[in-house]
Amino acid sequence: STDEALDFLNTPSSKGFVIHFSET
């Protein structure tokens, strides 16, 4: 359900997010 301009990363060793500023 998250915004298309944002992705979240969730692996056992890395967690985070990516903001696609080109789409904002």
mmCIF file of all heavy atoms, coordinates in Angstrom:
data_MODEL
# 
_entry.id   MODEL 
# 
loop_
_atom_site.group_PDB 
_atom_site.id 
_atom_site.type_symbol 
_atom_site.label_atom_id 
_atom_site.label_alt_id 
_atom_site.label_comp_id 
_atom_site.label_asym_id 
_atom_site.label_entity_id 
_atom_site.label_seq_id 
_atom_site.pdbx_PDB_ins_code 
_atom_site.Cartn_x 
_atom_site.Cartn_y 
_atom_site.Cartn_z 
_atom_site.occupancy 
_atom_site.B_iso_or_equiv 
_atom_site.pdbx_formal_charge 
_atom_site.auth_seq_id 
_atom_site.auth_comp_id 
_atom_site.auth_asym_id 
_atom_site.auth_atom_id 
_atom_site.pdbx_PDB_model_num 
ATOM 1   N N   . SER A 1 1  ? 0.800  -1.230  0.000   1.00 0.00 ? 1  SER A N   1 
ATOM 2   C CA  . SER A 1 1  ? 0.000  0.000   0.000   1.00 0.00 ? 1  SER A CA  1 
ATOM 3   C C   . SER A 1 1  ? 0.834  1.283   0.000   1.00 0.00 ? 1  SER A C   1 
ATOM 4   O O   . SER A 1 1  ? 0.283  2.375   0.047   1.00 0.00 ? 1  SER A O   1 
ATOM 5   C CB  . SER A 1 1  ? -0.944 0.010   1.214   1.00 0.00 ? 1  SER A CB  1 
ATOM 6   O OG  . SER A 1 1  ? -0.199 0.131   2.420   1.00 0.00 ? 1  SER A OG  1 
ATOM 7   N N   . THR A 1 2  ? 2.156  1.169   -0.061  1.00 0.00 ? 2  THR A N   1 
ATOM 8   C CA  . THR A 1 2  ? 2.991  2.369   0.020   1.00 0.00 ? 2  THR A CA  1 
ATOM 9   C C   . THR A 1 2  ? 3.011  3.152   -1.292  1.00 0.00 ? 2  THR A C   1 
ATOM 10  O O   . THR A 1 2  ? 2.732  2.621   -2.360  1.00 0.00 ? 2  THR A O   1 
ATOM 11  C CB  . THR A 1 2  ? 4.439  2.017   0.426   1.00 0.00 ? 2  THR A CB  1 
ATOM 12  O OG1 . THR A 1 2  ? 4.959  1.059   -0.481  1.00 0.00 ? 2  THR A OG1 1 
ATOM 13  C CG2 . THR A 1 2  ? 4.492  1.469   1.837   1.00 0.00 ? 2  THR A CG2 1 
ATOM 14  N N   . ASP A 1 3  ? 3.365  4.406   -1.171  1.00 0.00 ? 3  ASP A N   1 
ATOM 15  C CA  . ASP A 1 3  ? 3.447  5.333   -2.301  1.00 0.00 ? 3  ASP A CA  1 
ATOM 16  C C   . ASP A 1 3  ? 4.441  4.822   -3.345  1.00 0.00 ? 3  ASP A C   1 
ATOM 17  O O   . ASP A 1 3  ? 5.478  4.253   -3.000  1.00 0.00 ? 3  ASP A O   1 
ATOM 18  C CB  . ASP A 1 3  ? 3.902  6.701   -1.767  1.00 0.00 ? 3  ASP A CB  1 
ATOM 19  C CG  . ASP A 1 3  ? 3.673  7.831   -2.744  1.00 0.00 ? 3  ASP A CG  1 
ATOM 20  O OD1 . ASP A 1 3  ? 4.121  7.726   -3.893  1.00 0.00 ? 3  ASP A OD1 1 
ATOM 21  O OD2 . ASP A 1 3  ? 3.054  8.830   -2.343  1.00 0.00 ? 3  ASP A OD2 1 
ATOM 22  N N   . GLU A 1 4  ? 4.137  5.065   -4.634  1.00 0.00 ? 4  GLU A N   1 
ATOM 23  C CA  . GLU A 1 4  ? 5.017  4.616   -5.714  1.00 0.00 ? 4  GLU A CA  1 
ATOM 24  C C   . GLU A 1 4  ? 6.364  5.339   -5.705  1.00 0.00 ? 4  GLU A C   1 
ATOM 25  O O   . GLU A 1 4  ? 7.328  4.856   -6.300  1.00 0.00 ? 4  GLU A O   1 
ATOM 26  C CB  . GLU A 1 4  ? 4.343  4.822   -7.074  1.00 0.00 ? 4  GLU A CB  1 
ATOM 27  C CG  . GLU A 1 4  ? 3.175  3.883   -7.313  1.00 0.00 ? 4  GLU A CG  1 
ATOM 28  C CD  . GLU A 1 4  ? 2.544  4.075   -8.680  1.00 0.00 ? 4  GLU A CD  1 
ATOM 29  O OE1 . GLU A 1 4  ? 3.021  4.938   -9.446  1.00 0.00 ? 4  GLU A OE1 1 
ATOM 30  O OE2 . GLU A 1 4  ? 1.587  3.354   -8.976  1.00 0.00 ? 4  GLU A OE2 1 
ATOM 31  N N   . ALA A 1 5  ? 6.438  6.487   -5.057  1.00 0.00 ? 5  ALA A N   1 
ATOM 32  C CA  . ALA A 1 5  ? 7.692  7.251   -5.013  1.00 0.00 ? 5  ALA A CA  1 
ATOM 33  C C   . ALA A 1 5  ? 8.618  6.783   -3.885  1.00 0.00 ? 5  ALA A C   1 
ATOM 34  O O   . ALA A 1 5  ? 9.648  7.395   -3.634  1.00 0.00 ? 5  ALA A O   1 
ATOM 35  C CB  . ALA A 1 5  ? 7.393  8.736   -4.845  1.00 0.00 ? 5  ALA A CB  1 
ATOM 36  N N   . LEU A 1 6  ? 8.256  5.674   -3.229  1.00 0.00 ? 6  LEU A N   1 
ATOM 37  C CA  . LEU A 1 6  ? 9.015  5.208   -2.072  1.00 0.00 ? 6  LEU A CA  1 
ATOM 38  C C   . LEU A 1 6  ? 9.078  3.688   -2.055  1.00 0.00 ? 6  LEU A C   1 
ATOM 39  O O   . LEU A 1 6  ? 8.089  3.009   -2.323  1.00 0.00 ? 6  LEU A O   1 
ATOM 40  C CB  . LEU A 1 6  ? 8.330  5.717   -0.800  1.00 0.00 ? 6  LEU A CB  1 
ATOM 41  C CG  . LEU A 1 6  ? 8.967  5.443   0.546   1.00 0.00 ? 6  LEU A CG  1 
ATOM 42  C CD1 . LEU A 1 6  ? 10.303 6.146   0.685   1.00 0.00 ? 6  LEU A CD1 1 
ATOM 43  C CD2 . LEU A 1 6  ? 8.038  5.886   1.667   1.00 0.00 ? 6  LEU A CD2 1 
ATOM 44  N N   . ASP A 1 7  ? 10.254 3.146   -1.772  1.00 0.00 ? 7  ASP A N   1 
ATOM 45  C CA  . ASP A 1 7  ? 10.436 1.699   -1.582  1.00 0.00 ? 7  ASP A CA  1 
ATOM 46  C C   . ASP A 1 7  ? 11.146 1.477   -0.263  1.00 0.00 ? 7  ASP A C   1 
ATOM 47  O O   . ASP A 1 7  ? 11.978 2.298   0.151   1.00 0.00 ? 7  ASP A O   1 
ATOM 48  C CB  . ASP A 1 7  ? 11.282 1.097   -2.712  1.00 0.00 ? 7  ASP A CB  1 
ATOM 49  C CG  . ASP A 1 7  ? 10.507 0.969   -4.014  1.00 0.00 ? 7  ASP A CG  1 
ATOM 50  O OD1 . ASP A 1 7  ? 9.393  0.418   -3.991  1.00 0.00 ? 7  ASP A OD1 1 
ATOM 51  O OD2 . ASP A 1 7  ? 11.024 1.427   -5.054  1.00 0.00 ? 7  ASP A OD2 1 
ATOM 52  N N   . PHE A 1 8  ? 10.838 0.352   0.375   1.00 0.00 ? 8  PHE A N   1 
ATOM 53  C CA  . PHE A 1 8  ? 11.511 -0.014  1.616   1.00 0.00 ? 8  PHE A CA  1 
ATOM 54  C C   . PHE A 1 8  ? 12.341 -1.269  1.394   1.00 0.00 ? 8  PHE A C   1 
ATOM 55  O O   . PHE A 1 8  ? 11.952 -2.157  0.636   1.00 0.00 ? 8  PHE A O   1 
ATOM 56  C CB  . PHE A 1 8  ? 10.492 -0.248  2.738   1.00 0.00 ? 8  PHE A CB  1 
ATOM 57  C CG  . PHE A 1 8  ? 9.876  1.020   3.255   1.00 0.00 ? 8  PHE A CG  1 
ATOM 58  C CD1 . PHE A 1 8  ? 8.665  1.468   2.753   1.00 0.00 ? 8  PHE A CD1 1 
ATOM 59  C CD2 . PHE A 1 8  ? 10.524 1.780   4.215   1.00 0.00 ? 8  PHE A CD2 1 
ATOM 60  C CE1 . PHE A 1 8  ? 8.104  2.647   3.215   1.00 0.00 ? 8  PHE A CE1 1 
ATOM 61  C CE2 . PHE A 1 8  ? 9.973  2.963   4.687   1.00 0.00 ? 8  PHE A CE2 1 
ATOM 62  C CZ  . PHE A 1 8  ? 8.753  3.396   4.177   1.00 0.00 ? 8  PHE A CZ  1 
ATOM 63  N N   . LEU A 1 9  ? 13.483 -1.316  2.056   1.00 0.00 ? 9  LEU A N   1 
ATOM 64  C CA  . LEU A 1 9  ? 14.399 -2.449  1.989   1.00 0.00 ? 9  LEU A CA  1 
ATOM 65  C C   . LEU A 1 9  ? 14.307 -3.203  3.305   1.00 0.00 ? 9  LEU A C   1 
ATOM 66  O O   . LEU A 1 9  ? 14.352 -2.591  4.370   1.00 0.00 ? 9  LEU A O   1 
ATOM 67  C CB  . LEU A 1 9  ? 15.832 -1.941  1.771   1.00 0.00 ? 9  LEU A CB  1 
ATOM 68  C CG  . LEU A 1 9  ? 16.964 -2.957  1.904   1.00 0.00 ? 9  LEU A CG  1 
ATOM 69  C CD1 . LEU A 1 9  ? 16.924 -3.950  0.749   1.00 0.00 ? 9  LEU A CD1 1 
ATOM 70  C CD2 . LEU A 1 9  ? 18.320 -2.253  1.951   1.00 0.00 ? 9  LEU A CD2 1 
ATOM 71  N N   . ASN A 1 10 ? 14.180 -4.538  3.215   1.00 0.00 ? 10 ASN A N   1 
ATOM 72  C CA  . ASN A 1 10 ? 14.081 -5.331  4.443   1.00 0.00 ? 10 ASN A CA  1 
ATOM 73  C C   . ASN A 1 10 ? 14.701 -6.703  4.209   1.00 0.00 ? 10 ASN A C   1 
ATOM 74  O O   . ASN A 1 10 ? 14.055 -7.617  3.715   1.00 0.00 ? 10 ASN A O   1 
ATOM 75  C CB  . ASN A 1 10 ? 12.617 -5.470  4.869   1.00 0.00 ? 10 ASN A CB  1 
ATOM 76  C CG  . ASN A 1 10 ? 12.485 -6.163  6.215   1.00 0.00 ? 10 ASN A CG  1 
ATOM 77  O OD1 . ASN A 1 10 ? 13.466 -6.384  6.917   1.00 0.00 ? 10 ASN A OD1 1 
ATOM 78  N ND2 . ASN A 1 10 ? 11.270 -6.527  6.575   1.00 0.00 ? 10 ASN A ND2 1 
ATOM 79  N N   . THR A 1 11 ? 15.995 -6.832  4.527   1.00 0.00 ? 11 THR A N   1 
ATOM 80  C CA  . THR A 1 11 ? 16.689 -8.119  4.449   1.00 0.00 ? 11 THR A CA  1 
ATOM 81  C C   . THR A 1 11 ? 17.252 -8.405  5.832   1.00 0.00 ? 11 THR A C   1 
ATOM 82  O O   . THR A 1 11 ? 17.260 -7.529  6.698   1.00 0.00 ? 11 THR A O   1 
ATOM 83  C CB  . THR A 1 11 ? 17.837 -8.075  3.411   1.00 0.00 ? 11 THR A CB  1 
ATOM 84  O OG1 . THR A 1 11 ? 18.907 -7.286  3.928   1.00 0.00 ? 11 THR A OG1 1 
ATOM 85  C CG2 . THR A 1 11 ? 17.369 -7.527  2.065   1.00 0.00 ? 11 THR A CG2 1 
ATOM 86  N N   . PRO A 1 12 ? 17.737 -9.631  6.074   1.00 0.00 ? 12 PRO A N   1 
ATOM 87  C CA  . PRO A 1 12 ? 18.286 -9.924  7.408   1.00 0.00 ? 12 PRO A CA  1 
ATOM 88  C C   . PRO A 1 12 ? 19.401 -8.972  7.845   1.00 0.00 ? 12 PRO A C   1 
ATOM 89  O O   . PRO A 1 12 ? 19.529 -8.656  9.024   1.00 0.00 ? 12 PRO A O   1 
ATOM 90  C CB  . PRO A 1 12 ? 18.802 -11.362 7.255   1.00 0.00 ? 12 PRO A CB  1 
ATOM 91  C CG  . PRO A 1 12 ? 17.933 -11.950 6.200   1.00 0.00 ? 12 PRO A CG  1 
ATOM 92  C CD  . PRO A 1 12 ? 17.672 -10.837 5.224   1.00 0.00 ? 12 PRO A CD  1 
ATOM 93  N N   . SER A 1 13 ? 20.216 -8.482  6.901   1.00 0.00 ? 13 SER A N   1 
ATOM 94  C CA  . SER A 1 13 ? 21.350 -7.637  7.291   1.00 0.00 ? 13 SER A CA  1 
ATOM 95  C C   . SER A 1 13 ? 21.188 -6.157  6.940   1.00 0.00 ? 13 SER A C   1 
ATOM 96  O O   . SER A 1 13 ? 21.921 -5.319  7.461   1.00 0.00 ? 13 SER A O   1 
ATOM 97  C CB  . SER A 1 13 ? 22.641 -8.150  6.647   1.00 0.00 ? 13 SER A CB  1 
ATOM 98  O OG  . SER A 1 13 ? 22.542 -8.094  5.235   1.00 0.00 ? 13 SER A OG  1 
ATOM 99  N N   . SER A 1 14 ? 20.254 -5.817  6.069   1.00 0.00 ? 14 SER A N   1 
ATOM 100 C CA  . SER A 1 14 ? 20.083 -4.418  5.652   1.00 0.00 ? 14 SER A CA  1 
ATOM 101 C C   . SER A 1 14 ? 18.619 -4.006  5.662   1.00 0.00 ? 14 SER A C   1 
ATOM 102 O O   . SER A 1 14 ? 17.763 -4.740  5.174   1.00 0.00 ? 14 SER A O   1 
ATOM 103 C CB  . SER A 1 14 ? 20.649 -4.194  4.250   1.00 0.00 ? 14 SER A CB  1 
ATOM 104 O OG  . SER A 1 14 ? 22.046 -4.249  4.250   1.00 0.00 ? 14 SER A OG  1 
ATOM 105 N N   . LYS A 1 15 ? 18.377 -2.815  6.210   1.00 0.00 ? 15 LYS A N   1 
ATOM 106 C CA  . LYS A 1 15 ? 17.030 -2.262  6.216   1.00 0.00 ? 15 LYS A CA  1 
ATOM 107 C C   . LYS A 1 15 ? 17.132 -0.784  5.866   1.00 0.00 ? 15 LYS A C   1 
ATOM 108 O O   . LYS A 1 15 ? 18.107 -0.117  6.223   1.00 0.00 ? 15 LYS A O   1 
ATOM 109 C CB  . LYS A 1 15 ? 16.367 -2.462  7.577   1.00 0.00 ? 15 LYS A CB  1 
ATOM 110 C CG  . LYS A 1 15 ? 16.091 -3.935  7.876   1.00 0.00 ? 15 LYS A CG  1 
ATOM 111 C CD  . LYS A 1 15 ? 15.530 -4.155  9.247   1.00 0.00 ? 15 LYS A CD  1 
ATOM 112 C CE  . LYS A 1 15 ? 15.124 -5.606  9.491   1.00 0.00 ? 15 LYS A CE  1 
ATOM 113 N NZ  . LYS A 1 15 ? 16.039 -6.617  8.994   1.00 0.00 ? 15 LYS A NZ  1 
ATOM 114 N N   . GLY A 1 16 ? 16.108 -0.279  5.171   1.00 0.00 ? 16 GLY A N   1 
ATOM 115 C CA  . GLY A 1 16 ? 16.169 1.122   4.800   1.00 0.00 ? 16 GLY A CA  1 
ATOM 116 C C   . GLY A 1 16 ? 15.046 1.524   3.872   1.00 0.00 ? 16 GLY A C   1 
ATOM 117 O O   . GLY A 1 16 ? 14.025 0.842   3.785   1.00 0.00 ? 16 GLY A O   1 
ATOM 118 N N   . PHE A 1 17 ? 15.245 2.628   3.170   1.00 0.00 ? 17 PHE A N   1 
ATOM 119 C CA  . PHE A 1 17 ? 14.243 3.106   2.221   1.00 0.00 ? 17 PHE A CA  1 
ATOM 120 C C   . PHE A 1 17 ? 14.915 3.856   1.077   1.00 0.00 ? 17 PHE A C   1 
ATOM 121 O O   . PHE A 1 17 ? 16.067 4.285   1.178   1.00 0.00 ? 17 PHE A O   1 
ATOM 122 C CB  . PHE A 1 17 ? 13.201 3.997   2.918   1.00 0.00 ? 17 PHE A CB  1 
ATOM 123 C CG  . PHE A 1 17 ? 13.758 5.223   3.592   1.00 0.00 ? 17 PHE A CG  1 
ATOM 124 C CD1 . PHE A 1 17 ? 14.022 6.393   2.875   1.00 0.00 ? 17 PHE A CD1 1 
ATOM 125 C CD2 . PHE A 1 17 ? 14.020 5.226   4.958   1.00 0.00 ? 17 PHE A CD2 1 
ATOM 126 C CE1 . PHE A 1 17 ? 14.526 7.523   3.497   1.00 0.00 ? 17 PHE A CE1 1 
ATOM 127 C CE2 . PHE A 1 17 ? 14.522 6.355   5.595   1.00 0.00 ? 17 PHE A CE2 1 
ATOM 128 C CZ  . PHE A 1 17 ? 14.778 7.511   4.861   1.00 0.00 ? 17 PHE A CZ  1 
ATOM 129 N N   . VAL A 1 18 ? 14.171 3.979   -0.013  1.00 0.00 ? 18 VAL A N   1 
ATOM 130 C CA  . VAL A 1 18 ? 14.602 4.750   -1.184  1.00 0.00 ? 18 VAL A CA  1 
ATOM 131 C C   . VAL A 1 18 ? 13.476 5.706   -1.540  1.00 0.00 ? 18 VAL A C   1 
ATOM 132 O O   . VAL A 1 18 ? 12.333 5.274   -1.759  1.00 0.00 ? 18 VAL A O   1 
ATOM 133 C CB  . VAL A 1 18 ? 14.892 3.849   -2.403  1.00 0.00 ? 18 VAL A CB  1 
ATOM 134 C CG1 . VAL A 1 18 ? 15.334 4.704   -3.600  1.00 0.00 ? 18 VAL A CG1 1 
ATOM 135 C CG2 . VAL A 1 18 ? 15.929 2.799   -2.084  1.00 0.00 ? 18 VAL A CG2 1 
ATOM 136 N N   . ILE A 1 19 ? 13.771 6.991   -1.586  1.00 0.00 ? 19 ILE A N   1 
ATOM 137 C CA  . ILE A 1 19 ? 12.807 7.990   -2.065  1.00 0.00 ? 19 ILE A CA  1 
ATOM 138 C C   . ILE A 1 19 ? 13.163 8.291   -3.516  1.00 0.00 ? 19 ILE A C   1 
ATOM 139 O O   . ILE A 1 19 ? 14.280 8.712   -3.815  1.00 0.00 ? 19 ILE A O   1 
ATOM 140 C CB  . ILE A 1 19 ? 12.869 9.297   -1.253  1.00 0.00 ? 19 ILE A CB  1 
ATOM 141 C CG1 . ILE A 1 19 ? 12.587 9.040   0.218   1.00 0.00 ? 19 ILE A CG1 1 
ATOM 142 C CG2 . ILE A 1 19 ? 11.869 10.316  -1.812  1.00 0.00 ? 19 ILE A CG2 1 
ATOM 143 C CD1 . ILE A 1 19 ? 12.775 10.268  1.103   1.00 0.00 ? 19 ILE A CD1 1 
ATOM 144 N N   . HIS A 1 20 ? 12.221 8.050   -4.424  1.00 0.00 ? 20 HIS A N   1 
ATOM 145 C CA  . HIS A 1 20 ? 12.432 8.339   -5.845  1.00 0.00 ? 20 HIS A CA  1 
ATOM 146 C C   . HIS A 1 20 ? 12.047 9.802   -6.080  1.00 0.00 ? 20 HIS A C   1 
ATOM 147 O O   . HIS A 1 20 ? 10.923 10.105  -6.495  1.00 0.00 ? 20 HIS A O   1 
ATOM 148 C CB  . HIS A 1 20 ? 11.602 7.388   -6.702  1.00 0.00 ? 20 HIS A CB  1 
ATOM 149 C CG  . HIS A 1 20 ? 11.890 5.940   -6.417  1.00 0.00 ? 20 HIS A CG  1 
ATOM 150 N ND1 . HIS A 1 20 ? 13.034 5.312   -6.877  1.00 0.00 ? 20 HIS A ND1 1 
ATOM 151 C CD2 . HIS A 1 20 ? 11.202 5.018   -5.694  1.00 0.00 ? 20 HIS A CD2 1 
ATOM 152 C CE1 . HIS A 1 20 ? 13.031 4.055   -6.457  1.00 0.00 ? 20 HIS A CE1 1 
ATOM 153 N NE2 . HIS A 1 20 ? 11.940 3.851   -5.742  1.00 0.00 ? 20 HIS A NE2 1 
ATOM 154 N N   . PHE A 1 21 ? 12.985 10.690  -5.786  1.00 0.00 ? 21 PHE A N   1 
ATOM 155 C CA  . PHE A 1 21 ? 12.700 12.119  -5.878  1.00 0.00 ? 21 PHE A CA  1 
ATOM 156 C C   . PHE A 1 21 ? 12.319 12.548  -7.295  1.00 0.00 ? 21 PHE A C   1 
ATOM 157 O O   . PHE A 1 21 ? 11.622 13.540  -7.479  1.00 0.00 ? 21 PHE A O   1 
ATOM 158 C CB  . PHE A 1 21 ? 13.894 12.944  -5.381  1.00 0.00 ? 21 PHE A CB  1 
ATOM 159 C CG  . PHE A 1 21 ? 13.862 13.213  -3.908  1.00 0.00 ? 21 PHE A CG  1 
ATOM 160 C CD1 . PHE A 1 21 ? 14.706 12.543  -3.039  1.00 0.00 ? 21 PHE A CD1 1 
ATOM 161 C CD2 . PHE A 1 21 ? 12.970 14.138  -3.370  1.00 0.00 ? 21 PHE A CD2 1 
ATOM 162 C CE1 . PHE A 1 21 ? 14.677 12.792  -1.675  1.00 0.00 ? 21 PHE A CE1 1 
ATOM 163 C CE2 . PHE A 1 21 ? 12.925 14.400  -2.012  1.00 0.00 ? 21 PHE A CE2 1 
ATOM 164 C CZ  . PHE A 1 21 ? 13.790 13.722  -1.162  1.00 0.00 ? 21 PHE A CZ  1 
ATOM 165 N N   . SER A 1 22 ? 12.761 11.785  -8.302  1.00 0.00 ? 22 SER A N   1 
ATOM 166 C CA  . SER A 1 22 ? 12.405 12.112  -9.688  1.00 0.00 ? 22 SER A CA  1 
ATOM 167 C C   . SER A 1 22 ? 10.901 11.971  -9.926  1.00 0.00 ? 22 SER A C   1 
ATOM 168 O O   . SER A 1 22 ? 10.365 12.497  -10.897 1.00 0.00 ? 22 SER A O   1 
ATOM 169 C CB  . SER A 1 22 ? 13.168 11.204  -10.662 1.00 0.00 ? 22 SER A CB  1 
ATOM 170 O OG  . SER A 1 22 ? 12.902 9.836   -10.384 1.00 0.00 ? 22 SER A OG  1 
ATOM 171 N N   . GLU A 1 23 ? 10.205 11.277  -9.018  1.00 0.00 ? 23 GLU A N   1 
ATOM 172 C CA  . GLU A 1 23 ? 8.757  11.075  -9.149  1.00 0.00 ? 23 GLU A CA  1 
ATOM 173 C C   . GLU A 1 23 ? 7.968  11.958  -8.184  1.00 0.00 ? 23 GLU A C   1 
ATOM 174 O O   . GLU A 1 23 ? 6.764  11.768  -7.995  1.00 0.00 ? 23 GLU A O   1 
ATOM 175 C CB  . GLU A 1 23 ? 8.410  9.600   -8.914  1.00 0.00 ? 23 GLU A CB  1 
ATOM 176 C CG  . GLU A 1 23 ? 9.048  8.668   -9.934  1.00 0.00 ? 23 GLU A CG  1 
ATOM 177 C CD  . GLU A 1 23 ? 8.751  7.207   -9.650  1.00 0.00 ? 23 GLU A CD  1 
ATOM 178 O OE1 . GLU A 1 23 ? 7.755  6.925   -8.945  1.00 0.00 ? 23 GLU A OE1 1 
ATOM 179 O OE2 . GLU A 1 23 ? 9.517  6.357   -10.137 1.00 0.00 ? 23 GLU A OE2 1 
ATOM 180 N N   . THR A 1 24 ? 8.642  12.884  -7.542  1.00 0.00 ? 24 THR A N   1 
ATOM 181 C CA  . THR A 1 24 ? 7.964  13.794  -6.608  1.00 0.00 ? 24 THR A CA  1 
ATOM 182 C C   . THR A 1 24 ? 8.110  15.227  -7.104  1.00 0.00 ? 24 THR A C   1 
ATOM 183 O O   . THR A 1 24 ? 8.814  15.492  -8.071  1.00 0.00 ? 24 THR A O   1 
ATOM 184 C CB  . THR A 1 24 ? 8.587  13.705  -5.189  1.00 0.00 ? 24 THR A CB  1 
ATOM 185 O OG1 . THR A 1 24 ? 9.891  14.306  -5.215  1.00 0.00 ? 24 THR A OG1 1 
ATOM 186 C CG2 . THR A 1 24 ? 8.684  12.262  -4.713  1.00 0.00 ? 24 THR A CG2 1 
# 
